[in-house]
Amino acid sequence: MSLVAIVGRPNVGKSTLFNRLVGMRKAIVDDTAGVTRDRHYGKCEWCGREFSVVDTGGYTTNSEDVFESAIRRQVEIAIEESDVVLFMVEAATGITDYDAEIADILRRSKKPVVLCVNKVDTGEKIFDTYQFYSLGLGEVWSISAANGSGTGDLLDEIVRVLPEEVEGEDDLDRPDLPHIAIVGKPNVGKSSLTNALLGEERNIVTPVAGTTRDSISTYYNKFGHEFMLVDTAGMRRKTKVHEDLEFYSVMRSIRAIERADVCVLMIDATQGMEAQDMSIFNLIQRNRKACVIVVNKWDLFIKDQNTMRDYTEGLRARIAPFNDVPIIFTSVTKMQRILDVLDAIAKVSENYSQKISTARLNEALLPIIEETPPPAWKGKYVKIKYITQLPTRFPSFAFFCNLPQYIKDPYKRFLENQLRNCFDFTGCPVQIFIRQK
């Protein structure tokens, strides 16, 4: 899936435009209660073309003093990782030094750039936009992110310059096998785990010309396990950009997560589950992917009798409510429990792809529902008639009843818990839909 990054100096309306673009695709709204929504990443669909959008806003605090260490670094990362850069400026302010600096970086890049002038709310303000042609970035698109005017033409242009999606970009790709992505913030051991799993076979990764920044799949067949390992460009090469920025690791993870079925989230045992790790975990949840958490560098952690149990409980509390996730403690450099990671991946992948017949579902769940029916609402009783699994890539189930509008989130969580009790969905997100009988 193509990636579009919105860049620009602070306060030009990047987040407003981001929310408008993402809002066009209502499915991005997460029904799961209690899940923190990562506002910097979303998906947009226009004219039958779907692409990811990343908002670089929110990372440029105090950038007035440190342009080099904040805005410039953001723009360089966005240029490197995205397929199209959406450069946003403001009509009333005109061309500032920051705008000129960013435009200079963009001109020297080889990425397609779409220049949009925001806050063109009235016809008179259109005259303020002509000065931006002097930036040398081609056509200028006038919009108002607040009221939506001009965004249709802007999206038409974005879709026009997006690179064509090439199916089967890797000759070795096997759609029939589960795709596994190793993700996490920088320096937690992703590359070490990849090397440990692939060994010498790592050298046979064959990047297709022109897709060096895309995720590339590598066939894995060892120790009785067979899957496609989704390797990202960040695992294969160093970059000039400093690897200490949350935005960078999230950008790196987006493509790998979207292509994967199971995501192996690696965290550093000595640092715990930090905000950066939670951002990536939220991405995994939002994309409805299965998850295995690998706590690396466990050999460096000072331990006592109950350390592993306490650490696991703390992790589960941090990632709640979706905490039915396998947690493996490893030391990749010492090759400890590497096979446990493989076994957990295989088990979670099996859970993720399992299909349960309607007969089995109703036989297991209907007696429980009859015993604990949904709460009555204003004297009206809700009766669930039958359940069936939907033909989606991730486990999702439809519960058919007479009054679906009266079933609230707490009872949905109860239904999900009963599903997990009756069938093994460890590591997998489960979505519940209530439908009219």
Protein backbone atom coordinates (compact mmCIF):
# COMPACT_ATOMS: atom_id res chain seq x y z
CA MET A 1 0.00 0.00 0.00
CA SER A 2 1.31 3.45 -0.92
CA LEU A 3 2.28 5.95 1.77
CA VAL A 4 1.58 9.70 1.67
CA ALA A 5 3.31 11.96 4.22
CA ILE A 6 1.97 15.42 5.09
CA VAL A 7 4.89 17.76 5.84
CA GLY A 8 5.19 21.44 6.61
CA ARG A 9 5.98 23.86 9.38
CA PRO A 10 3.80 23.98 12.52
CA ASN A 11 0.32 25.55 12.48
CA VAL A 12 -0.41 25.33 8.77
CA GLY A 13 -3.27 22.84 9.27
CA LYS A 14 -1.59 19.48 8.69
CA SER A 15 -3.58 17.70 11.38
CA THR A 16 -6.85 19.23 10.17
CA LEU A 17 -6.22 17.95 6.66
CA PHE A 18 -5.09 14.59 8.03
CA ASN A 19 -8.33 14.18 9.98
CA ARG A 20 -10.36 15.14 6.91
CA LEU A 21 -8.55 12.64 4.67
CA VAL A 22 -8.76 9.80 7.18
CA GLY A 23 -12.40 10.64 7.97
CA MET A 24 -13.36 9.77 4.42
CA ARG A 25 -12.81 6.14 5.28
CA LYS A 26 -15.14 5.44 8.19
CA ALA A 27 -13.71 1.96 8.80
CA ILE A 28 -10.65 3.51 10.44
CA VAL A 29 -12.81 4.38 13.46
CA ASP A 30 -12.10 1.69 16.01
CA ASP A 31 -15.11 0.13 17.75
CA THR A 32 -12.96 -1.39 20.50
CA ALA A 33 -13.49 0.55 23.70
CA GLY A 34 -10.42 1.72 25.58
CA VAL A 35 -7.99 1.53 22.68
CA THR A 36 -5.88 4.66 22.34
CA ARG A 37 -6.23 6.03 18.83
CA ASP A 38 -2.86 6.86 17.25
CA ARG A 39 -3.81 10.11 15.54
CA HIS A 40 -0.69 10.28 13.34
CA TYR A 41 -1.57 7.40 11.05
CA GLY A 42 -4.63 6.46 9.05
CA LYS A 43 -5.97 5.29 5.72
CA CYS A 44 -7.72 7.18 2.96
CA GLU A 45 -9.70 5.86 0.02
CA TRP A 46 -10.36 7.93 -3.10
CA CYS A 47 -11.57 6.84 -6.55
CA GLY A 48 -11.10 3.18 -5.64
CA ARG A 49 -7.49 3.71 -4.55
CA GLU A 50 -6.52 3.18 -0.92
CA PHE A 51 -3.37 4.64 0.58
CA SER A 52 -1.89 5.32 4.02
CA VAL A 53 -1.54 8.86 5.33
CA VAL A 54 1.01 9.96 7.95
CA ASP A 55 0.73 13.27 9.76
CA THR A 56 4.12 14.67 10.75
CA GLY A 57 2.42 17.17 13.04
CA GLY A 58 2.89 17.06 16.77
CA TYR A 59 6.61 16.32 16.62
CA THR A 60 7.88 19.85 16.19
CA THR A 61 7.58 21.21 19.71
CA ASN A 62 9.94 24.15 20.33
CA SER A 63 11.03 23.95 16.70
CA GLU A 64 11.50 27.75 16.63
CA ASP A 65 14.95 27.23 18.11
CA VAL A 66 15.98 23.86 16.71
CA PHE A 67 14.85 23.72 13.09
CA GLU A 68 17.71 21.38 12.16
CA SER A 69 16.91 18.87 14.89
CA ALA A 70 13.11 18.91 14.51
CA ILE A 71 11.42 19.96 11.28
CA ARG A 72 14.31 19.15 8.95
CA ARG A 73 14.69 15.67 10.39
CA GLN A 74 10.95 15.06 10.10
CA VAL A 75 10.95 16.08 6.45
CA GLU A 76 13.97 13.89 5.64
CA ILE A 77 12.33 10.88 7.26
CA ALA A 78 9.03 11.51 5.49
CA ILE A 79 10.80 11.87 2.12
CA GLU A 80 12.73 8.66 2.64
CA GLU A 81 9.80 6.53 3.73
CA SER A 82 6.85 7.82 1.69
CA ASP A 83 5.80 7.42 -1.93
CA VAL A 84 4.31 10.91 -2.22
CA VAL A 85 5.06 13.99 -0.10
CA LEU A 86 2.16 16.39 0.50
CA PHE A 87 3.82 19.73 1.29
CA MET A 88 1.47 22.10 3.10
CA VAL A 89 1.84 25.89 3.32
CA GLU A 90 -0.47 28.71 4.45
CA ALA A 91 -1.94 31.41 2.18
CA ALA A 92 -2.07 34.36 4.62
CA THR A 93 1.46 33.97 6.00
CA GLY A 94 3.17 33.62 2.63
CA ILE A 95 6.55 31.96 2.14
CA THR A 96 8.47 31.78 5.43
CA ASP A 97 12.10 30.78 5.91
CA TYR A 98 10.92 27.36 7.10
CA ASP A 99 8.82 26.89 3.96
CA ALA A 100 11.77 27.79 1.76
CA GLU A 101 14.04 25.39 3.68
CA ILE A 102 11.58 22.50 3.34
CA ALA A 103 10.99 23.29 -0.36
CA ASP A 104 14.75 23.20 -0.93
CA ILE A 105 14.94 19.71 0.58
CA LEU A 106 11.97 18.54 -1.48
CA ARG A 107 13.32 19.90 -4.76
CA ARG A 108 16.50 17.89 -4.33
CA SER A 109 14.59 14.72 -3.54
CA LYS A 110 13.31 12.50 -6.32
CA LYS A 111 9.94 11.95 -4.67
CA PRO A 112 6.67 13.22 -6.18
CA VAL A 113 5.62 16.36 -4.29
CA VAL A 114 2.10 17.81 -4.16
CA LEU A 115 2.12 21.43 -2.97
CA CYS A 116 -1.10 22.55 -1.29
CA VAL A 117 -1.89 26.02 0.08
CA ASN A 118 -4.23 25.85 3.08
CA LYS A 119 -6.69 28.35 4.55
CA VAL A 120 -7.94 29.58 1.16
CA ASP A 121 -11.45 30.07 2.56
CA THR A 122 -12.67 32.81 0.21
CA GLY A 123 -12.29 33.71 -3.43
CA GLU A 124 -10.13 36.76 -2.65
CA LYS A 125 -7.50 34.62 -0.92
CA ILE A 126 -6.80 32.74 -4.15
CA PHE A 127 -4.55 35.67 -5.12
CA ASP A 128 -2.32 34.91 -2.11
CA THR A 129 -1.50 31.49 -3.53
CA TYR A 130 0.31 32.53 -6.70
CA GLN A 131 3.50 33.46 -4.82
CA PHE A 132 4.04 29.79 -3.98
CA TYR A 133 4.85 28.96 -7.60
CA SER A 134 8.25 30.53 -6.84
CA LEU A 135 9.07 27.50 -4.66
CA GLY A 136 9.65 25.55 -7.87
CA LEU A 137 7.49 22.56 -6.91
CA GLY A 138 5.04 22.68 -9.80
CA GLU A 139 1.28 23.16 -9.61
CA VAL A 140 -0.20 24.80 -6.50
CA TRP A 141 -3.44 23.33 -5.09
CA SER A 142 -5.61 25.70 -3.04
CA ILE A 143 -7.64 24.12 -0.26
CA SER A 144 -9.37 24.81 3.01
CA ALA A 145 -8.80 21.86 5.32
CA ALA A 146 -11.31 23.28 7.77
CA ASN A 147 -14.32 23.31 5.43
CA GLY A 148 -13.08 20.82 2.82
CA SER A 149 -13.08 23.05 -0.25
CA GLY A 150 -10.52 21.98 -2.84
CA THR A 151 -9.70 18.67 -1.17
CA GLY A 152 -11.36 16.67 -3.96
CA ASP A 153 -9.05 18.14 -6.60
CA LEU A 154 -6.10 17.65 -4.24
CA LEU A 155 -6.96 13.96 -3.78
CA ASP A 156 -7.31 13.54 -7.55
CA GLU A 157 -3.76 14.84 -7.92
CA ILE A 158 -2.42 12.60 -5.12
CA VAL A 159 -3.99 9.52 -6.72
CA ARG A 160 -2.58 10.58 -10.12
CA VAL A 161 1.03 10.78 -8.88
CA LEU A 162 0.88 7.68 -6.63
CA PRO A 163 3.05 4.86 -7.99
CA GLU A 164 1.22 1.95 -9.55
CA GLU A 165 0.65 -0.94 -7.17
CA VAL A 166 2.53 -3.98 -8.44
CA GLU A 167 1.13 -7.33 -7.40
CA GLY A 168 3.65 -9.97 -6.44
CA GLU A 169 6.57 -7.58 -6.16
CA ASP A 170 8.75 -10.41 -4.96
CA ASP A 171 9.02 -13.53 -7.09
CA LEU A 172 9.42 -15.62 -3.95
CA ASP A 173 6.20 -14.36 -2.34
CA ARG A 174 3.73 -17.08 -1.37
CA PRO A 175 0.23 -15.71 -0.69
CA ASP A 176 -0.84 -19.08 0.70
CA LEU A 177 1.63 -18.87 3.60
CA PRO A 178 1.27 -16.66 6.70
CA HIS A 179 3.27 -13.42 6.55
CA ILE A 180 5.25 -12.59 9.67
CA ALA A 181 6.65 -9.09 10.40
CA ILE A 182 9.22 -8.29 13.08
CA VAL A 183 8.52 -4.76 14.28
CA GLY A 184 9.58 -2.52 17.13
CA LYS A 185 11.44 0.66 17.88
CA PRO A 186 15.13 1.00 16.89
CA ASN A 187 17.82 -0.96 18.73
CA VAL A 188 15.62 -3.60 20.36
CA GLY A 189 17.13 -6.48 18.38
CA LYS A 190 14.89 -6.79 15.31
CA SER A 191 17.82 -7.30 12.97
CA SER A 192 19.45 -9.74 15.39
CA LEU A 193 16.28 -11.83 15.56
CA THR A 194 15.93 -11.73 11.77
CA ASN A 195 19.53 -12.91 11.42
CA ALA A 196 19.00 -15.63 14.03
CA LEU A 197 15.94 -16.92 12.18
CA LEU A 198 17.28 -16.67 8.64
CA GLY A 199 20.97 -17.43 9.17
CA GLU A 200 22.88 -17.48 5.89
CA GLU A 201 19.62 -17.39 3.92
CA ARG A 202 19.40 -13.71 4.80
CA ASN A 203 21.71 -12.94 1.90
CA ILE A 204 19.25 -14.28 -0.69
CA VAL A 205 16.75 -11.46 -0.14
CA THR A 206 16.26 -10.08 -3.66
CA PRO A 207 15.10 -6.46 -3.72
CA VAL A 208 13.18 -5.70 -6.90
CA ALA A 209 14.42 -2.56 -8.68
CA GLY A 210 12.47 0.50 -7.63
CA THR A 211 11.01 -1.03 -4.47
CA THR A 212 13.96 -0.62 -2.10
CA ARG A 213 11.76 1.16 0.42
CA ASP A 214 8.94 -1.38 0.30
CA SER A 215 8.57 -4.44 2.49
CA ILE A 216 10.02 -7.53 0.85
CA SER A 217 9.07 -11.08 1.79
CA THR A 218 11.58 -13.87 2.35
CA TYR A 219 10.61 -17.54 2.35
CA TYR A 220 11.39 -19.27 5.66
CA ASN A 221 11.40 -23.05 6.09
CA LYS A 222 13.29 -24.32 9.16
CA PHE A 223 12.59 -26.32 12.32
CA GLY A 224 9.29 -27.51 10.87
CA HIS A 225 7.96 -23.97 10.37
CA GLU A 226 7.07 -22.48 7.01
CA PHE A 227 6.09 -18.84 6.48
CA MET A 228 7.00 -15.60 4.69
CA LEU A 229 9.16 -13.24 6.76
CA VAL A 230 8.20 -9.65 5.92
CA ASP A 231 11.46 -7.73 6.12
CA THR A 232 11.45 -3.93 5.94
CA ALA A 233 14.06 -1.69 4.40
CA GLY A 234 14.97 -0.49 7.87
CA MET A 235 16.15 -3.98 8.79
CA ARG A 236 18.46 -4.15 5.78
CA ARG A 237 20.24 -0.84 5.68
CA LYS A 238 21.39 2.01 7.86
CA THR A 239 20.08 5.49 7.30
CA LYS A 240 21.50 8.93 7.79
CA VAL A 241 18.56 9.84 9.96
CA HIS A 242 19.10 9.45 13.70
CA GLU A 243 17.17 6.48 15.04
CA ASP A 244 15.97 8.14 18.24
CA LEU A 245 12.63 9.47 17.03
CA GLU A 246 9.23 7.87 17.70
CA PHE A 247 7.95 9.04 14.32
CA TYR A 248 10.75 7.18 12.54
CA SER A 249 10.02 3.78 14.06
CA VAL A 250 6.27 4.18 13.43
CA MET A 251 6.90 5.09 9.77
CA ARG A 252 9.15 2.03 9.43
CA SER A 253 6.51 -0.24 10.94
CA ILE A 254 3.47 0.83 8.90
CA ARG A 255 4.30 -1.03 5.69
CA ALA A 256 5.46 -4.20 7.42
CA ILE A 257 2.33 -4.34 9.62
CA GLU A 258 -0.02 -3.80 6.67
CA ARG A 259 1.50 -6.69 4.73
CA ALA A 260 1.72 -9.11 7.64
CA ASP A 261 -0.71 -11.57 9.22
CA VAL A 262 1.26 -11.94 12.47
CA CYS A 263 3.40 -9.15 13.95
CA VAL A 264 6.26 -9.93 16.32
CA LEU A 265 6.58 -6.83 18.50
CA MET A 266 10.03 -6.70 20.08
CA ILE A 267 10.63 -4.63 23.19
CA ASP A 268 13.75 -4.02 25.28
CA ALA A 269 13.52 -5.77 28.66
CA THR A 270 15.64 -3.07 30.32
CA GLN A 271 13.32 -0.27 29.12
CA GLY A 272 9.91 -1.92 29.33
CA MET A 273 6.83 -1.05 27.27
CA GLU A 274 7.40 2.60 26.41
CA ALA A 275 5.18 5.06 24.52
CA GLN A 276 7.03 4.23 21.30
CA ASP A 277 6.23 0.53 21.72
CA MET A 278 2.58 1.35 22.51
CA SER A 279 2.30 3.38 19.28
CA ILE A 280 3.40 0.34 17.27
CA PHE A 281 1.14 -1.99 19.30
CA ASN A 282 -1.80 0.33 18.55
CA LEU A 283 -0.91 0.13 14.84
CA ILE A 284 -1.05 -3.66 15.06
CA GLN A 285 -4.44 -3.49 16.78
CA ARG A 286 -5.85 -0.95 14.34
CA ASN A 287 -4.86 -3.09 11.37
CA ARG A 288 -6.43 -6.16 13.03
CA LYS A 289 -3.24 -8.22 12.96
CA ALA A 290 -2.26 -11.08 15.26
CA CYS A 291 0.53 -10.30 17.71
CA VAL A 292 3.35 -11.97 19.64
CA ILE A 293 5.36 -9.86 22.09
CA VAL A 294 9.06 -10.74 22.40
CA VAL A 295 10.89 -9.25 25.40
CA ASN A 296 14.52 -9.17 24.25
CA LYS A 297 17.74 -8.61 26.25
CA TRP A 298 16.30 -10.60 29.16
CA ASP A 299 19.85 -11.62 30.13
CA LEU A 300 20.58 -7.95 31.02
CA PHE A 301 17.56 -7.63 33.32
CA ILE A 302 18.21 -7.99 37.07
CA LYS A 303 15.99 -10.85 38.21
CA ASP A 304 14.63 -12.38 41.39
CA GLN A 305 12.26 -15.28 42.08
CA ASN A 306 9.05 -13.82 40.60
CA THR A 307 10.52 -11.39 38.08
CA MET A 308 9.13 -12.99 34.91
CA ARG A 309 5.62 -13.34 36.37
CA ASP A 310 5.55 -9.74 37.63
CA TYR A 311 6.95 -8.43 34.35
CA THR A 312 4.27 -10.33 32.38
CA GLU A 313 1.46 -9.00 34.59
CA GLY A 314 2.76 -5.44 34.17
CA LEU A 315 2.91 -5.85 30.39
CA ARG A 316 -0.62 -7.23 30.20
CA ALA A 317 -1.94 -4.33 32.27
CA ARG A 318 -0.17 -1.89 29.93
CA ILE A 319 -1.67 -3.32 26.73
CA ALA A 320 -5.20 -3.93 28.07
CA PRO A 321 -7.91 -4.52 26.93
CA PHE A 322 -6.29 -6.62 24.15
CA ASN A 323 -3.96 -8.50 26.47
CA ASP A 324 -4.56 -12.10 25.35
CA VAL A 325 -1.14 -12.06 23.68
CA PRO A 326 1.77 -14.54 24.02
CA ILE A 327 4.78 -12.97 25.75
CA ILE A 328 8.18 -14.64 25.17
CA PHE A 329 11.32 -13.65 27.06
CA THR A 330 14.48 -14.02 24.99
CA SER A 331 18.09 -13.07 24.60
CA VAL A 332 18.70 -13.16 20.87
CA THR A 333 22.46 -12.67 21.17
CA LYS A 334 22.66 -15.76 23.41
CA MET A 335 20.09 -17.64 21.28
CA GLN A 336 17.79 -18.17 24.27
CA ARG A 337 14.19 -19.30 23.53
CA ILE A 338 14.39 -18.56 19.80
CA LEU A 339 12.45 -21.77 19.12
CA ASP A 340 9.79 -20.63 21.61
CA VAL A 341 9.30 -17.53 19.46
CA LEU A 342 8.84 -19.72 16.37
CA ASP A 343 6.35 -21.96 18.19
CA ALA A 344 4.37 -18.92 19.39
CA ILE A 345 4.30 -17.48 15.85
CA ALA A 346 3.02 -20.80 14.46
CA LYS A 347 0.32 -21.12 17.13
CA VAL A 348 -0.92 -17.54 16.79
CA SER A 349 -0.91 -17.83 12.99
CA GLU A 350 -3.04 -20.98 13.27
CA ASN A 351 -5.47 -19.17 15.61
CA TYR A 352 -5.64 -16.19 13.26
CA SER A 353 -6.63 -18.24 10.23
CA GLN A 354 -8.96 -20.76 11.90
CA LYS A 355 -12.52 -21.00 10.62
CA ILE A 356 -15.24 -22.21 12.99
CA SER A 357 -18.42 -23.67 11.60
CA THR A 358 -21.73 -22.00 12.40
CA ALA A 359 -22.95 -25.22 14.03
CA ARG A 360 -19.99 -25.33 16.46
CA LEU A 361 -20.33 -21.64 17.27
CA ASN A 362 -24.03 -21.89 18.11
CA GLU A 363 -23.59 -25.13 20.04
CA ALA A 364 -20.92 -23.55 22.25
CA LEU A 365 -22.23 -20.01 22.69
CA LEU A 366 -26.04 -20.08 22.58
CA PRO A 367 -26.41 -21.90 25.94
CA ILE A 368 -24.11 -19.32 27.55
CA ILE A 369 -26.10 -16.45 25.99
CA GLU A 370 -29.40 -17.97 27.18
CA GLU A 371 -27.98 -18.22 30.68
CA THR A 372 -26.62 -14.64 30.57
CA PRO A 373 -28.79 -12.70 28.09
CA PRO A 374 -28.18 -9.07 27.12
CA PRO A 375 -29.65 -6.57 29.62
CA ALA A 376 -33.18 -5.43 28.85
CA TRP A 377 -33.50 -1.87 27.56
CA LYS A 378 -36.59 0.17 28.45
CA GLY A 379 -38.59 -3.00 28.98
CA LYS A 380 -37.51 -4.56 25.69
CA TYR A 381 -35.76 -7.92 25.75
CA VAL A 382 -32.92 -8.63 23.32
CA LYS A 383 -32.72 -12.18 21.98
CA ILE A 384 -29.65 -13.41 20.07
CA LYS A 385 -30.84 -16.01 17.55
CA TYR A 386 -27.63 -17.36 16.01
CA ILE A 387 -23.92 -16.66 15.39
CA THR A 388 -21.73 -17.06 12.33
CA GLN A 389 -18.11 -16.30 11.45
CA LEU A 390 -17.60 -13.69 8.73
CA PRO A 391 -15.30 -14.31 5.73
CA THR A 392 -12.71 -11.73 6.77
CA ARG A 393 -8.95 -12.14 7.03
CA PHE A 394 -9.04 -11.68 10.82
CA PRO A 395 -11.47 -13.45 13.22
CA SER A 396 -14.79 -11.60 13.15
CA PHE A 397 -18.25 -12.82 14.12
CA ALA A 398 -21.81 -11.67 13.48
CA PHE A 399 -24.41 -12.11 16.23
CA PHE A 400 -27.94 -11.89 14.81
CA CYS A 401 -30.65 -10.62 17.14
CA ASN A 402 -34.01 -8.83 17.18
CA LEU A 403 -32.85 -5.46 18.60
CA PRO A 404 -29.14 -4.94 17.75
CA GLN A 405 -29.19 -1.26 18.72
CA TYR A 406 -29.69 -2.17 22.39
CA ILE A 407 -26.55 -4.31 22.74
CA LYS A 408 -23.85 -2.07 24.24
CA ASP A 409 -20.06 -2.35 24.48
CA PRO A 410 -19.90 -4.11 27.88
CA TYR A 411 -21.98 -7.01 26.54
CA LYS A 412 -19.88 -7.11 23.35
CA ARG A 413 -16.81 -7.54 25.56
CA PHE A 414 -18.63 -10.33 27.41
CA LEU A 415 -19.33 -12.07 24.06
CA GLU A 416 -15.69 -11.71 23.02
CA ASN A 417 -14.50 -13.19 26.32
CA GLN A 418 -16.86 -16.16 25.89
CA LEU A 419 -15.54 -16.69 22.35
CA ARG A 420 -11.99 -16.72 23.69
CA ASN A 421 -12.98 -19.15 26.45
CA CYS A 422 -14.59 -21.59 24.01
CA PHE A 423 -12.08 -21.28 21.17
CA ASP A 424 -8.38 -20.46 21.14
CA PHE A 425 -7.85 -16.95 19.80
CA THR A 426 -4.71 -16.17 21.80
CA GLY A 427 -2.76 -13.40 20.10
CA CYS A 428 -5.58 -12.53 17.71
CA PRO A 429 -7.92 -9.54 17.66
CA VAL A 430 -11.58 -10.57 17.62
CA GLN A 431 -14.27 -8.26 16.26
CA ILE A 432 -17.94 -8.59 17.18
CA PHE A 433 -20.71 -7.32 14.91
CA ILE A 434 -24.35 -7.19 16.05
CA ARG A 435 -26.76 -7.56 13.16
CA GLN A 436 -30.53 -7.46 12.66
CA LYS A 437 -32.12 -10.91 12.41
